[in-house]
Amino acid sequence: MSAPRPYPGDVAPDRVDEEFWEGCRQGRYLLFRCTTCDHAVWPAGGCPRHGLAPMVWKEATGQGRLHSWTVVHQRYANSFADPPPNVAVVELDEGPLVHSTVLGAARLELGMRLEVFFEDIGQGVVLPVFRPTAQEGESTGPG
């Protein structure tokens, strides 16, 4: 059995992203969207189309495709020992690319369909991570 995932203690929510982290605790995946055109951005920032237009957090589908990934073989913590963790870039259906981890896949394939789920790592922190959708999970097997 592996050790618990390390707490990301050096990253504290700020006034912009605290709503995102609260959404994760509630099992809701939120994206920052322009109130003028509804364009989603990540990380939270301004709209590339409308500059300083007001932005709001809105619930997203949490669905997307695997855009890229790397496997980290250098162990920096015992909790990342087996299997080696991946750092994935997920292209959300809403457009933005986000960094995360894909769990529950025997192997990763470019373009595979993914869905978000939430991992409670303790101390009030819930991380959004991804797994293959039911259809992808059937083709790649359990991870």
Protein backbone atom coordinates (compact mmCIF):
# COMPACT_ATOMS: atom_id res chain seq x y z
CA MET A 1 0.00 0.00 0.00
CA SER A 2 1.37 3.40 -0.94
CA ALA A 3 1.71 6.39 1.34
CA PRO A 4 -0.87 9.18 1.10
CA ARG A 5 -0.37 11.75 -1.64
CA PRO A 6 1.78 14.65 -0.45
CA TYR A 7 -0.07 17.77 0.56
CA PRO A 8 0.56 20.69 -1.82
CA GLY A 9 1.30 22.97 1.11
CA ASP A 10 3.14 25.59 -0.91
CA VAL A 11 0.01 26.36 -2.94
CA ALA A 12 -2.66 28.28 -1.05
CA PRO A 13 -5.92 29.40 -2.66
CA ASP A 14 -6.12 33.13 -3.29
CA ARG A 15 -9.12 35.38 -3.77
CA VAL A 16 -9.29 34.49 -7.49
CA ASP A 17 -9.16 30.69 -7.30
CA GLU A 18 -10.70 29.98 -3.89
CA GLU A 19 -14.07 29.36 -5.60
CA PHE A 20 -12.43 26.75 -7.85
CA TRP A 21 -11.08 24.85 -4.82
CA GLU A 22 -14.43 25.08 -3.03
CA GLY A 23 -16.06 23.62 -6.15
CA CYS A 24 -13.62 20.70 -6.01
CA ARG A 25 -14.57 20.05 -2.37
CA GLN A 26 -18.21 19.92 -3.54
CA GLY A 27 -17.41 17.61 -6.48
CA ARG A 28 -17.90 20.37 -9.07
CA TYR A 29 -15.33 21.22 -11.76
CA LEU A 30 -15.32 24.96 -12.47
CA LEU A 31 -13.75 27.03 -15.23
CA PHE A 32 -13.17 30.78 -15.35
CA ARG A 33 -15.39 32.24 -18.12
CA CYS A 34 -15.79 35.62 -19.76
CA THR A 35 -19.18 37.20 -19.07
CA THR A 36 -19.17 38.74 -22.57
CA CYS A 37 -18.44 35.70 -24.78
CA ASP A 38 -18.42 32.72 -22.32
CA HIS A 39 -14.86 31.81 -23.41
CA ALA A 40 -13.26 29.50 -20.81
CA VAL A 41 -9.68 30.15 -19.67
CA TRP A 42 -7.20 28.23 -17.51
CA PRO A 43 -5.48 29.25 -15.38
CA ALA A 44 -7.83 31.91 -14.14
CA GLY A 45 -7.06 35.18 -15.85
CA GLY A 46 -8.46 37.58 -18.38
CA CYS A 47 -10.34 36.81 -21.57
CA PRO A 48 -8.02 36.75 -24.60
CA ARG A 49 -10.89 38.13 -26.68
CA HIS A 50 -12.26 40.85 -24.38
CA GLY A 51 -9.32 41.79 -22.16
CA LEU A 52 -10.64 43.17 -18.90
CA ALA A 53 -14.24 41.94 -19.29
CA PRO A 54 -15.63 40.52 -16.04
CA MET A 55 -14.92 36.83 -15.46
CA VAL A 56 -16.93 34.32 -13.41
CA TRP A 57 -16.54 30.70 -12.34
CA LYS A 58 -19.02 28.35 -14.07
CA GLU A 59 -19.46 24.61 -13.82
CA ALA A 60 -17.83 22.61 -16.62
CA THR A 61 -18.45 19.09 -17.87
CA GLY A 62 -15.09 17.79 -16.65
CA GLN A 63 -14.83 15.83 -19.90
CA GLY A 64 -11.98 15.98 -22.37
CA ARG A 65 -9.25 14.19 -24.29
CA LEU A 66 -5.66 13.34 -23.44
CA HIS A 67 -3.55 15.92 -25.29
CA SER A 68 -0.11 14.89 -23.99
CA TRP A 69 1.61 13.33 -20.97
CA THR A 70 4.89 12.35 -19.44
CA VAL A 71 5.72 9.67 -16.88
CA VAL A 72 7.82 10.75 -13.92
CA HIS A 73 10.32 8.02 -13.05
CA GLN A 74 12.40 9.96 -10.51
CA ARG A 75 10.73 9.38 -7.14
CA TYR A 76 10.53 12.54 -5.02
CA ALA A 77 8.17 11.11 -2.40
CA ASN A 78 7.35 7.54 -1.35
CA SER A 79 3.69 8.15 -2.18
CA PHE A 80 4.65 8.43 -5.85
CA ALA A 81 6.53 5.11 -5.88
CA ASP A 82 4.27 2.59 -7.60
CA PRO A 83 3.18 2.97 -10.29
CA PRO A 84 5.20 5.93 -11.58
CA PRO A 85 2.91 8.97 -11.77
CA ASN A 86 2.03 10.72 -14.98
CA VAL A 87 1.67 14.42 -15.59
CA ALA A 88 -1.02 14.83 -18.21
CA VAL A 89 -2.25 17.68 -20.35
CA VAL A 90 -6.00 17.33 -20.83
CA GLU A 91 -7.85 19.25 -23.52
CA LEU A 92 -11.23 19.96 -21.98
CA ASP A 93 -14.34 19.86 -24.15
CA GLU A 94 -14.77 23.53 -23.23
CA GLY A 95 -11.40 24.32 -24.83
CA PRO A 96 -8.69 25.01 -22.26
CA LEU A 97 -5.71 22.75 -21.69
CA VAL A 98 -5.22 21.76 -18.04
CA HIS A 99 -2.46 19.86 -16.25
CA SER A 100 -3.47 16.95 -14.05
CA THR A 101 -2.91 13.24 -13.51
CA VAL A 102 -4.69 10.33 -15.18
CA LEU A 103 -5.48 7.42 -12.86
CA GLY A 104 -7.10 4.07 -13.58
CA ALA A 105 -5.67 3.43 -17.06
CA ALA A 106 -3.51 0.44 -17.95
CA ARG A 107 -1.92 2.60 -20.61
CA LEU A 108 -2.37 6.12 -21.93
CA GLU A 109 -3.18 6.94 -25.54
CA LEU A 110 -3.33 10.32 -27.24
CA GLY A 111 -6.91 11.42 -27.73
CA MET A 112 -8.40 9.00 -25.21
CA ARG A 113 -11.58 10.30 -23.58
CA LEU A 114 -11.22 11.34 -19.94
CA GLU A 115 -13.47 12.55 -17.15
CA VAL A 116 -12.67 14.39 -13.97
CA PHE A 117 -13.09 12.93 -10.51
CA PHE A 118 -12.02 14.31 -7.18
CA GLU A 119 -9.39 12.92 -4.81
CA ASP A 120 -9.56 14.05 -1.19
CA ILE A 121 -5.95 14.14 0.01
CA GLY A 122 -6.81 15.44 3.48
CA GLN A 123 -6.38 18.76 5.27
CA GLY A 124 -9.37 20.13 3.34
CA VAL A 125 -7.69 19.71 -0.06
CA VAL A 126 -9.56 17.95 -2.88
CA LEU A 127 -7.68 17.59 -6.16
CA PRO A 128 -9.29 17.24 -9.58
CA VAL A 129 -7.73 14.26 -11.38
CA PHE A 130 -8.81 12.41 -14.50
CA ARG A 131 -9.67 8.83 -15.42
CA PRO A 132 -10.73 7.16 -18.66
CA THR A 133 -14.44 7.43 -19.38
CA ALA A 134 -16.42 4.19 -19.07
CA GLN A 135 -15.96 3.42 -22.78
CA GLU A 136 -12.21 4.15 -22.68
CA GLY A 137 -11.84 2.18 -19.43
CA GLU A 138 -13.30 -0.90 -21.14
CA SER A 139 -10.75 -0.69 -23.95
CA THR A 140 -7.67 0.06 -21.84
CA GLY A 141 -8.44 -2.10 -18.81
CA PRO A 142 -8.15 -1.23 -15.11
CA GLY A 143 -5.17 0.71 -13.87
